Amino acid sequence: MISGIGADFSNTLSTTIYVIIGMFIVQLIDNNLSQPIIFSKSTKSHPLEIFLVIICSGILFGITGMIVAVPSYTALKVIGKEFLPENRIIKALTKDI
């Protein structure tokens, strides 16, 4: 793209816009479809649970919260299953563990 600046700027600009749109679509699919499904299989949680945990922790704690959301959620599920096994909500969340 840099080598084409002198020759035909409009062609280079349109190619750049197509590349940016393509990257945006791929990131959107990866962040909203692929990652929740992969995380849900590894933590034995529903993809919607993972998606909601990441969104809520992002709202509350920002980027750092989004990074530690899934490991923290998994740890809380295991702790809940060990210490509160008779709780109705904990039973529903940890039935697959």
PDB file of N, CA and C in Angstrom:
ATOM      1  N   MET A   1       0.829  -1.191   0.000  1.00  0.00           N
ATOM      2  CA  MET A   1       0.000   0.000   0.000  1.00  0.00           C
ATOM      3  C   MET A   1       0.866   1.245   0.000  1.00  0.00           C
ATOM      4  N   ILE A   2       2.005   1.205   0.640  1.00  0.00           N
ATOM      5  CA  ILE A   2       2.876   2.376   0.696  1.00  0.00           C
ATOM      6  C   ILE A   2       3.498   2.638  -0.662  1.00  0.00           C
ATOM      7  N   SER A   3       3.843   1.597  -1.394  1.00  0.00           N
ATOM      8  CA  SER A   3       4.479   1.795  -2.697  1.00  0.00           C
ATOM      9  C   SER A   3       3.516   2.386  -3.720  1.00  0.00           C
ATOM     10  N   GLY A   4       2.209   2.258  -3.509  1.00  0.00           N
ATOM     11  CA  GLY A   4       1.233   2.761  -4.462  1.00  0.00           C
ATOM     12  C   GLY A   4       0.790   4.183  -4.200  1.00  0.00           C
ATOM     13  N   ILE A   5       1.347   4.864  -3.197  1.00  0.00           N
ATOM     14  CA  ILE A   5       0.901   6.216  -2.861  1.00  0.00           C
ATOM     15  C   ILE A   5       1.169   7.191  -3.997  1.00  0.00           C
ATOM     16  N   GLY A   6       2.340   7.116  -4.604  1.00  0.00           N
ATOM     17  CA  GLY A   6       2.672   8.063  -5.659  1.00  0.00           C
ATOM     18  C   GLY A   6       1.907   7.811  -6.944  1.00  0.00           C
ATOM     19  N   ALA A   7       1.582   6.570  -7.227  1.00  0.00           N
ATOM     20  CA  ALA A   7       0.987   6.234  -8.516  1.00  0.00           C
ATOM     21  C   ALA A   7      -0.505   6.534  -8.562  1.00  0.00           C
ATOM     22  N   ASP A   8      -1.274   5.916  -7.712  1.00  0.00           N
ATOM     23  CA  ASP A   8      -2.721   6.066  -7.767  1.00  0.00           C
ATOM     24  C   ASP A   8      -3.274   6.043  -6.335  1.00  0.00           C
ATOM     25  N   PHE A   9      -3.417   7.229  -5.762  1.00  0.00           N
ATOM     26  CA  PHE A   9      -3.809   7.336  -4.358  1.00  0.00           C
ATOM     27  C   PHE A   9      -5.229   6.835  -4.117  1.00  0.00           C
ATOM     28  N   SER A  10      -6.140   7.045  -5.040  1.00  0.00           N
ATOM     29  CA  SER A  10      -7.526   6.612  -4.840  1.00  0.00           C
ATOM     30  C   SER A  10      -7.627   5.088  -4.785  1.00  0.00           C
ATOM     31  N   ASN A  11      -6.834   4.397  -5.600  1.00  0.00           N
ATOM     32  CA  ASN A  11      -6.819   2.933  -5.573  1.00  0.00           C
ATOM     33  C   ASN A  11      -6.241   2.433  -4.247  1.00  0.00           C
ATOM     34  N   THR A  12      -5.186   3.068  -3.776  1.00  0.00           N
ATOM     35  CA  THR A  12      -4.569   2.696  -2.507  1.00  0.00           C
ATOM     36  C   THR A  12      -5.526   2.958  -1.352  1.00  0.00           C
ATOM     37  N   LEU A  13      -6.236   4.076  -1.404  1.00  0.00           N
ATOM     38  CA  LEU A  13      -7.183   4.410  -0.350  1.00  0.00           C
ATOM     39  C   LEU A  13      -8.331   3.408  -0.306  1.00  0.00           C
ATOM     40  N   SER A  14      -8.847   3.030  -1.456  1.00  0.00           N
ATOM     41  CA  SER A  14      -9.944   2.062  -1.463  1.00  0.00           C
ATOM     42  C   SER A  14      -9.481   0.694  -0.960  1.00  0.00           C
ATOM     43  N   THR A  15      -8.274   0.295  -1.315  1.00  0.00           N
ATOM     44  CA  THR A  15      -7.724  -0.969  -0.813  1.00  0.00           C
ATOM     45  C   THR A  15      -7.554  -0.918   0.695  1.00  0.00           C
ATOM     46  N   THR A  16      -7.083   0.199   1.197  1.00  0.00           N
ATOM     47  CA  THR A  16      -6.907   0.366   2.647  1.00  0.00           C
ATOM     48  C   THR A  16      -8.244   0.280   3.366  1.00  0.00           C
ATOM     49  N   ILE A  17      -9.263   0.890   2.829  1.00  0.00           N
ATOM     50  CA  ILE A  17     -10.596   0.846   3.438  1.00  0.00           C
ATOM     51  C   ILE A  17     -11.138  -0.572   3.433  1.00  0.00           C
ATOM     52  N   TYR A  18     -10.935  -1.313   2.331  1.00  0.00           N
ATOM     53  CA  TYR A  18     -11.387  -2.708   2.273  1.00  0.00           C
ATOM     54  C   TYR A  18     -10.674  -3.564   3.322  1.00  0.00           C
ATOM     55  N   VAL A  19      -9.383  -3.339   3.484  1.00  0.00           N
ATOM     56  CA  VAL A  19      -8.618  -4.101   4.467  1.00  0.00           C
ATOM     57  C   VAL A  19      -9.106  -3.788   5.880  1.00  0.00           C
ATOM     58  N   ILE A  20      -9.363  -2.533   6.187  1.00  0.00           N
ATOM     59  CA  ILE A  20      -9.836  -2.138   7.513  1.00  0.00           C
ATOM     60  C   ILE A  20     -11.222  -2.728   7.779  1.00  0.00           C
ATOM     61  N   ILE A  21     -12.101  -2.689   6.802  1.00  0.00           N
ATOM     62  CA  ILE A  21     -13.437  -3.278   6.962  1.00  0.00           C
ATOM     63  C   ILE A  21     -13.328  -4.789   7.174  1.00  0.00           C
ATOM     64  N   GLY A  22     -12.473  -5.449   6.420  1.00  0.00           N
ATOM     65  CA  GLY A  22     -12.271  -6.885   6.585  1.00  0.00           C
ATOM     66  C   GLY A  22     -11.738  -7.229   7.962  1.00  0.00           C
ATOM     67  N   MET A  23     -10.762  -6.467   8.448  1.00  0.00           N
ATOM     68  CA  MET A  23     -10.224  -6.701   9.783  1.00  0.00           C
ATOM     69  C   MET A  23     -11.295  -6.481  10.846  1.00  0.00           C
ATOM     70  N   PHE A  24     -12.137  -5.469  10.675  1.00  0.00           N
ATOM     71  CA  PHE A  24     -13.212  -5.191  11.627  1.00  0.00           C
ATOM     72  C   PHE A  24     -14.201  -6.355  11.690  1.00  0.00           C
ATOM     73  N   ILE A  25     -14.573  -6.892  10.537  1.00  0.00           N
ATOM     74  CA  ILE A  25     -15.525  -8.005  10.494  1.00  0.00           C
ATOM     75  C   ILE A  25     -14.932  -9.254  11.141  1.00  0.00           C
ATOM     76  N   VAL A  26     -13.666  -9.544  10.850  1.00  0.00           N
ATOM     77  CA  VAL A  26     -13.016 -10.716  11.439  1.00  0.00           C
ATOM     78  C   VAL A  26     -12.912 -10.572  12.955  1.00  0.00           C
ATOM     79  N   GLN A  27     -12.548  -9.388  13.444  1.00  0.00           N
ATOM     80  CA  GLN A  27     -12.466  -9.160  14.889  1.00  0.00           C
ATOM     81  C   GLN A  27     -13.830  -9.292  15.538  1.00  0.00           C
ATOM     82  N   LEU A  28     -14.848  -8.797  14.894  1.00  0.00           N
ATOM     83  CA  LEU A  28     -16.206  -8.888  15.419  1.00  0.00           C
ATOM     84  C   LEU A  28     -16.648 -10.346  15.563  1.00  0.00           C
ATOM     85  N   ILE A  29     -16.389 -11.136  14.539  1.00  0.00           N
ATOM     86  CA  ILE A  29     -16.748 -12.556  14.586  1.00  0.00           C
ATOM     87  C   ILE A  29     -15.936 -13.280  15.653  1.00  0.00           C
ATOM     88  N   ASP A  30     -14.646 -12.994  15.714  1.00  0.00           N
ATOM     89  CA  ASP A  30     -13.782 -13.666  16.681  1.00  0.00           C
ATOM     90  C   ASP A  30     -14.168 -13.317  18.113  1.00  0.00           C
ATOM     91  N   ASN A  31     -14.392 -12.050  18.394  1.00  0.00           N
ATOM     92  CA  ASN A  31     -14.684 -11.620  19.758  1.00  0.00           C
ATOM     93  C   ASN A  31     -16.076 -12.010  20.224  1.00  0.00           C
ATOM     94  N   ASN A  32     -17.038 -12.066  19.331  1.00  0.00           N
ATOM     95  CA  ASN A  32     -18.411 -12.312  19.752  1.00  0.00           C
ATOM     96  C   ASN A  32     -18.890 -13.743  19.521  1.00  0.00           C
ATOM     97  N   LEU A  33     -18.210 -14.523  18.712  1.00  0.00           N
ATOM     98  CA  LEU A  33     -18.642 -15.895  18.454  1.00  0.00           C
ATOM     99  C   LEU A  33     -17.597 -16.921  18.871  1.00  0.00           C
ATOM    100  N   SER A  34     -16.396 -16.809  18.345  1.00  0.00           N
ATOM    101  CA  SER A  34     -15.391 -17.843  18.561  1.00  0.00           C
ATOM    102  C   SER A  34     -14.922 -17.930  20.007  1.00  0.00           C
ATOM    103  N   GLN A  35     -14.528 -16.803  20.590  1.00  0.00           N
ATOM    104  CA  GLN A  35     -13.968 -16.837  21.933  1.00  0.00           C
ATOM    105  C   GLN A  35     -14.949 -17.319  22.990  1.00  0.00           C
ATOM    106  N   PRO A  36     -16.209 -16.855  23.019  1.00  0.00           N
ATOM    107  CA  PRO A  36     -17.119 -17.425  24.021  1.00  0.00           C
ATOM    108  C   PRO A  36     -17.327 -18.927  23.875  1.00  0.00           C
ATOM    109  N   ILE A  37     -17.349 -19.432  22.657  1.00  0.00           N
ATOM    110  CA  ILE A  37     -17.530 -20.869  22.454  1.00  0.00           C
ATOM    111  C   ILE A  37     -16.305 -21.634  22.933  1.00  0.00           C
ATOM    112  N   ILE A  38     -15.109 -21.146  22.629  1.00  0.00           N
ATOM    113  CA  ILE A  38     -13.882 -21.808  23.068  1.00  0.00           C
ATOM    114  C   ILE A  38     -13.779 -21.772  24.586  1.00  0.00           C
ATOM    115  N   PHE A  39     -14.030 -20.605  25.191  1.00  0.00           N
ATOM    116  CA  PHE A  39     -13.969 -20.493  26.651  1.00  0.00           C
ATOM    117  C   PHE A  39     -15.026 -21.372  27.306  1.00  0.00           C
ATOM    118  N   SER A  40     -16.205 -21.455  26.713  1.00  0.00           N
ATOM    119  CA  SER A  40     -17.277 -22.244  27.326  1.00  0.00           C
ATOM    120  C   SER A  40     -16.946 -23.727  27.324  1.00  0.00           C
ATOM    121  N   LYS A  41     -16.281 -24.209  26.300  1.00  0.00           N
ATOM    122  CA  LYS A  41     -15.907 -25.624  26.272  1.00  0.00           C
ATOM    123  C   LYS A  41     -14.806 -25.922  27.273  1.00  0.00           C
ATOM    124  N   SER A  42     -13.884 -24.994  27.462  1.00  0.00           N
ATOM    125  CA  SER A  42     -12.794 -25.254  28.398  1.00  0.00           C
ATOM    126  C   SER A  42     -13.226 -25.098  29.849  1.00  0.00           C
ATOM    127  N   THR A  43     -14.219 -24.252  30.133  1.00  0.00           N
ATOM    128  CA  THR A  43     -14.672 -24.057  31.509  1.00  0.00           C
ATOM    129  C   THR A  43     -15.980 -24.765  31.802  1.00  0.00           C
ATOM    130  N   LYS A  44     -16.539 -25.457  30.823  1.00  0.00           N
ATOM    131  CA  LYS A  44     -17.808 -26.166  30.949  1.00  0.00           C
ATOM    132  C   LYS A  44     -18.933 -25.231  31.387  1.00  0.00           C
ATOM    133  N   SER A  45     -19.011 -24.094  30.735  1.00  0.00           N
ATOM    134  CA  SER A  45     -20.069 -23.114  30.967  1.00  0.00           C
ATOM    135  C   SER A  45     -20.755 -22.830  29.637  1.00  0.00           C
ATOM    136  N   HIS A  46     -21.951 -22.289  29.695  1.00  0.00           N
ATOM    137  CA  HIS A  46     -22.672 -21.918  28.482  1.00  0.00           C
ATOM    138  C   HIS A  46     -21.995 -20.692  27.862  1.00  0.00           C
ATOM    139  N   PRO A  47     -21.924 -20.597  26.523  1.00  0.00           N
ATOM    140  CA  PRO A  47     -21.294 -19.436  25.886  1.00  0.00           C
ATOM    141  C   PRO A  47     -21.922 -18.112  26.305  1.00  0.00           C
ATOM    142  N   LEU A  48     -23.235 -18.104  26.550  1.00  0.00           N
ATOM    143  CA  LEU A  48     -23.886 -16.868  26.980  1.00  0.00           C
ATOM    144  C   LEU A  48     -23.390 -16.444  28.361  1.00  0.00           C
ATOM    145  N   GLU A  49     -23.131 -17.412  29.240  1.00  0.00           N
ATOM    146  CA  GLU A  49     -22.573 -17.098  30.555  1.00  0.00           C
ATOM    147  C   GLU A  49     -21.231 -16.400  30.399  1.00  0.00           C
ATOM    148  N   ILE A  50     -20.373 -16.961  29.564  1.00  0.00           N
ATOM    149  CA  ILE A  50     -19.034 -16.395  29.353  1.00  0.00           C
ATOM    150  C   ILE A  50     -19.146 -14.996  28.766  1.00  0.00           C
ATOM    151  N   PHE A  51     -20.019 -14.837  27.784  1.00  0.00           N
ATOM    152  CA  PHE A  51     -20.208 -13.529  27.157  1.00  0.00           C
ATOM    153  C   PHE A  51     -20.673 -12.498  28.181  1.00  0.00           C
ATOM    154  N   LEU A  52     -21.647 -12.859  29.009  1.00  0.00           N
ATOM    155  CA  LEU A  52     -22.157 -11.936  30.022  1.00  0.00           C
ATOM    156  C   LEU A  52     -21.115 -11.625  31.093  1.00  0.00           C
ATOM    157  N   VAL A  53     -20.334 -12.623  31.492  1.00  0.00           N
ATOM    158  CA  VAL A  53     -19.290 -12.397  32.493  1.00  0.00           C
ATOM    159  C   VAL A  53     -18.256 -11.420  31.952  1.00  0.00           C
ATOM    160  N   ILE A  54     -17.852 -11.591  30.706  1.00  0.00           N
ATOM    161  CA  ILE A  54     -16.850 -10.689  30.114  1.00  0.00           C
ATOM    162  C   ILE A  54     -17.418  -9.283  29.969  1.00  0.00           C
ATOM    163  N   ILE A  55     -18.652  -9.152  29.511  1.00  0.00           N
ATOM    164  CA  ILE A  55     -19.266  -7.829  29.355  1.00  0.00           C
ATOM    165  C   ILE A  55     -19.410  -7.132  30.700  1.00  0.00           C
ATOM    166  N   CYS A  56     -19.933  -7.829  31.702  1.00  0.00           N
ATOM    167  CA  CYS A  56     -20.145  -7.219  33.019  1.00  0.00           C
ATOM    168  C   CYS A  56     -18.833  -6.824  33.669  1.00  0.00           C
ATOM    169  N   SER A  57     -17.835  -7.681  33.589  1.00  0.00           N
ATOM    170  CA  SER A  57     -16.552  -7.327  34.193  1.00  0.00           C
ATOM    171  C   SER A  57     -15.876  -6.196  33.428  1.00  0.00           C
ATOM    172  N   GLY A  58     -16.111  -6.114  32.132  1.00  0.00           N
ATOM    173  CA  GLY A  58     -15.574  -4.996  31.360  1.00  0.00           C
ATOM    174  C   GLY A  58     -16.217  -3.682  31.750  1.00  0.00           C
ATOM    175  N   ILE A  59     -17.517  -3.706  32.007  1.00  0.00           N
ATOM    176  CA  ILE A  59     -18.217  -2.490  32.437  1.00  0.00           C
ATOM    177  C   ILE A  59     -17.748  -2.064  33.828  1.00  0.00           C
ATOM    178  N   LEU A  60     -17.590  -3.040  34.714  1.00  0.00           N
ATOM    179  CA  LEU A  60     -17.225  -2.717  36.094  1.00  0.00           C
ATOM    180  C   LEU A  60     -15.742  -2.396  36.272  1.00  0.00           C
ATOM    181  N   PHE A  61     -14.857  -3.169  35.612  1.00  0.00           N
ATOM    182  CA  PHE A  61     -13.427  -3.046  35.885  1.00  0.00           C
ATOM    183  C   PHE A  61     -12.572  -2.721  34.674  1.00  0.00           C
ATOM    184  N   GLY A  62     -13.172  -2.498  33.527  1.00  0.00           N
ATOM    185  CA  GLY A  62     -12.414  -2.117  32.341  1.00  0.00           C
ATOM    186  C   GLY A  62     -11.702  -3.295  31.688  1.00  0.00           C
ATOM    187  N   ILE A  63     -10.608  -2.985  31.018  1.00  0.00           N
ATOM    188  CA  ILE A  63      -9.873  -3.999  30.268  1.00  0.00           C
ATOM    189  C   ILE A  63      -9.289  -5.056  31.195  1.00  0.00           C
ATOM    190  N   THR A  64      -8.792  -4.639  32.341  1.00  0.00           N
ATOM    191  CA  THR A  64      -8.240  -5.595  33.299  1.00  0.00           C
ATOM    192  C   THR A  64      -9.308  -6.586  33.748  1.00  0.00           C
ATOM    193  N   GLY A  65     -10.506  -6.102  33.979  1.00  0.00           N
ATOM    194  CA  GLY A  65     -11.601  -6.984  34.362  1.00  0.00           C
ATOM    195  C   GLY A  65     -11.952  -7.978  33.282  1.00  0.00           C
ATOM    196  N   MET A  66     -11.867  -7.565  32.027  1.00  0.00           N
ATOM    197  CA  MET A  66     -12.167  -8.477  30.927  1.00  0.00           C
ATOM    198  C   MET A  66     -11.115  -9.574  30.819  1.00  0.00           C
ATOM    199  N   ILE A  67      -9.879  -9.241  31.153  1.00  0.00           N
ATOM    200  CA  ILE A  67      -8.795 -10.221  31.072  1.00  0.00           C
ATOM    201  C   ILE A  67      -8.940 -11.287  32.153  1.00  0.00           C
ATOM    202  N   VAL A  68      -9.311 -10.880  33.364  1.00  0.00           N
ATOM    203  CA  VAL A  68      -9.396 -11.832  34.482  1.00  0.00           C
ATOM    204  C   VAL A  68     -10.804 -12.376  34.686  1.00  0.00           C
ATOM    205  N   ALA A  69     -11.736 -12.052  33.823  1.00  0.00           N
ATOM    206  CA  ALA A  69     -13.138 -12.443  34.011  1.00  0.00           C
ATOM    207  C   ALA A  69     -13.343 -13.954  33.996  1.00  0.00           C
ATOM    208  N   VAL A  70     -12.877 -14.623  32.969  1.00  0.00           N
ATOM    209  CA  VAL A  70     -13.139 -16.057  32.827  1.00  0.00           C
ATOM    210  C   VAL A  70     -12.421 -16.878  33.899  1.00  0.00           C
ATOM    211  N   PRO A  71     -11.129 -16.626  34.174  1.00  0.00           N
ATOM    212  CA  PRO A  71     -10.493 -17.387  35.262  1.00  0.00           C
ATOM    213  C   PRO A  71     -11.146 -17.132  36.622  1.00  0.00           C
ATOM    214  N   SER A  72     -11.530 -15.895  36.883  1.00  0.00           N
ATOM    215  CA  SER A  72     -12.184 -15.584  38.160  1.00  0.00           C
ATOM    216  C   SER A  72     -13.543 -16.266  38.258  1.00  0.00           C
ATOM    217  N   TYR A  73     -14.305 -16.250  37.188  1.00  0.00           N
ATOM    218  CA  TYR A  73     -15.614 -16.893  37.177  1.00  0.00           C
ATOM    219  C   TYR A  73     -15.489 -18.390  37.400  1.00  0.00           C
ATOM    220  N   THR A  74     -14.513 -19.005  36.750  1.00  0.00           N
ATOM    221  CA  THR A  74     -14.300 -20.434  36.916  1.00  0.00           C
ATOM    222  C   THR A  74     -13.895 -20.757  38.356  1.00  0.00           C
ATOM    223  N   ALA A  75     -13.013 -19.940  38.921  1.00  0.00           N
ATOM    224  CA  ALA A  75     -12.593 -20.153  40.308  1.00  0.00           C
ATOM    225  C   ALA A  75     -13.776 -19.999  41.262  1.00  0.00           C
ATOM    226  N   LEU A  76     -14.617 -19.004  41.033  1.00  0.00           N
ATOM    227  CA  LEU A  76     -15.796 -18.820  41.883  1.00  0.00           C
ATOM    228  C   LEU A  76     -16.774 -19.986  41.759  1.00  0.00           C
ATOM    229  N   LYS A  77     -16.910 -20.549  40.564  1.00  0.00           N
ATOM    230  CA  LYS A  77     -17.783 -21.718  40.394  1.00  0.00           C
ATOM    231  C   LYS A  77     -17.271 -22.910  41.185  1.00  0.00           C
ATOM    232  N   VAL A  78     -15.968 -23.140  41.141  1.00  0.00           N
ATOM    233  CA  VAL A  78     -15.387 -24.270  41.863  1.00  0.00           C
ATOM    234  C   VAL A  78     -15.501 -24.054  43.372  1.00  0.00           C
ATOM    235  N   ILE A  79     -15.218 -22.849  43.833  1.00  0.00           N
ATOM    236  CA  ILE A  79     -15.339 -22.534  45.262  1.00  0.00           C
ATOM    237  C   ILE A  79     -16.784 -22.686  45.712  1.00  0.00           C
ATOM    238  N   GLY A  80     -17.718 -22.201  44.923  1.00  0.00           N
ATOM    239  CA  GLY A  80     -19.137 -22.338  45.254  1.00  0.00           C
ATOM    240  C   GLY A  80     -19.574 -23.788  45.326  1.00  0.00           C
ATOM    241  N   LYS A  81     -19.072 -24.602  44.401  1.00  0.00           N
ATOM    242  CA  LYS A  81     -19.447 -26.017  44.403  1.00  0.00           C
ATOM    243  C   LYS A  81     -18.896 -26.734  45.636  1.00  0.00           C
ATOM    244  N   GLU A  82     -17.715 -26.349  46.080  1.00  0.00           N
ATOM    245  CA  GLU A  82     -17.102 -27.012  47.229  1.00  0.00           C
ATOM    246  C   GLU A  82     -17.715 -26.565  48.556  1.00  0.00           C
ATOM    247  N   PHE A  83     -18.006 -25.279  48.690  1.00  0.00           N
ATOM    248  CA  PHE A  83     -18.443 -24.752  49.981  1.00  0.00           C
ATOM    249  C   PHE A  83     -19.956 -24.590  50.111  1.00  0.00           C
ATOM    250  N   LEU A  84     -20.674 -24.480  49.012  1.00  0.00           N
ATOM    251  CA  LEU A  84     -22.129 -24.323  49.045  1.00  0.00           C
ATOM    252  C   LEU A  84     -22.796 -25.314  48.084  1.00  0.00           C
ATOM    253  N   PRO A  85     -22.585 -26.607  48.274  1.00  0.00           N
ATOM    254  CA  PRO A  85     -23.104 -27.567  47.288  1.00  0.00           C
ATOM    255  C   PRO A  85     -24.622 -27.700  47.285  1.00  0.00           C
ATOM    256  N   GLU A  86     -25.300 -27.291  48.342  1.00  0.00           N
ATOM    257  CA  GLU A  86     -26.753 -27.446  48.415  1.00  0.00           C
ATOM    258  C   GLU A  86     -27.525 -26.221  47.911  1.00  0.00           C
ATOM    259  N   ASN A  87     -26.835 -25.143  47.618  1.00  0.00           N
ATOM    260  CA  ASN A  87     -27.486 -23.926  47.123  1.00  0.00           C
ATOM    261  C   ASN A  87     -28.070 -24.194  45.741  1.00  0.00           C
ATOM    262  N   ARG A  88     -29.309 -23.751  45.521  1.00  0.00           N
ATOM    263  CA  ARG A  88     -30.018 -24.013  44.267  1.00  0.00           C
ATOM    264  C   ARG A  88     -29.317 -23.353  43.073  1.00  0.00           C
ATOM    265  N   ILE A  89     -28.859 -22.133  43.225  1.00  0.00           N
ATOM    266  CA  ILE A  89     -28.189 -21.418  42.121  1.00  0.00           C
ATOM    267  C   ILE A  89     -26.845 -22.054  41.819  1.00  0.00           C
ATOM    268  N   ILE A  90     -26.105 -22.398  42.863  1.00  0.00           N
ATOM    269  CA  ILE A  90     -24.803 -23.041  42.671  1.00  0.00           C
ATOM    270  C   ILE A  90     -24.975 -24.405  41.986  1.00  0.00           C
ATOM    271  N   LYS A  91     -26.005 -25.134  42.355  1.00  0.00           N
ATOM    272  CA  LYS A  91     -26.275 -26.423  41.692  1.00  0.00           C
ATOM    273  C   LYS A  91     -26.532 -26.236  40.198  1.00  0.00           C
ATOM    274  N   ALA A  92     -27.292 -25.208  39.865  1.00  0.00           N
ATOM    275  CA  ALA A  92     -27.613 -24.954  38.453  1.00  0.00           C
ATOM    276  C   ALA A  92     -26.380 -24.557  37.665  1.00  0.00           C
ATOM    277  N   LEU A  93     -25.498 -23.758  38.267  1.00  0.00           N
ATOM    278  CA  LEU A  93     -24.304 -23.283  37.560  1.00  0.00           C
ATOM    279  C   LEU A  93     -23.228 -24.353  37.458  1.00  0.00           C
ATOM    280  N   THR A  94     -23.181 -25.271  38.428  1.00  0.00           N
ATOM    281  CA  THR A  94     -22.083 -26.243  38.469  1.00  0.00           C
ATOM    282  C   THR A  94     -22.528 -27.666  38.174  1.00  0.00           C
ATOM    283  N   LYS A  95     -23.603 -27.853  37.479  1.00  0.00           N
ATOM    284  CA  LYS A  95     -24.081 -29.207  37.210  1.00  0.00           C
ATOM    285  C   LYS A  95     -23.147 -29.994  36.297  1.00  0.00           C
ATOM    286  N   ASP A  96     -22.329 -29.327  35.465  1.00  0.00           N
ATOM    287  CA  ASP A  96     -21.443 -30.017  34.538  1.00  0.00           C
ATOM    288  C   ASP A  96     -20.036 -30.221  35.080  1.00  0.00           C
ATOM    289  N   ILE A  97     -19.733 -29.632  36.214  1.00  0.00           N
ATOM    290  CA  ILE A  97     -18.367 -29.737  36.757  1.00  0.00           C
ATOM    291  C   ILE A  97     -18.222 -31.070  37.465  1.00  0.00           C
TER     292      ILE A  97
END
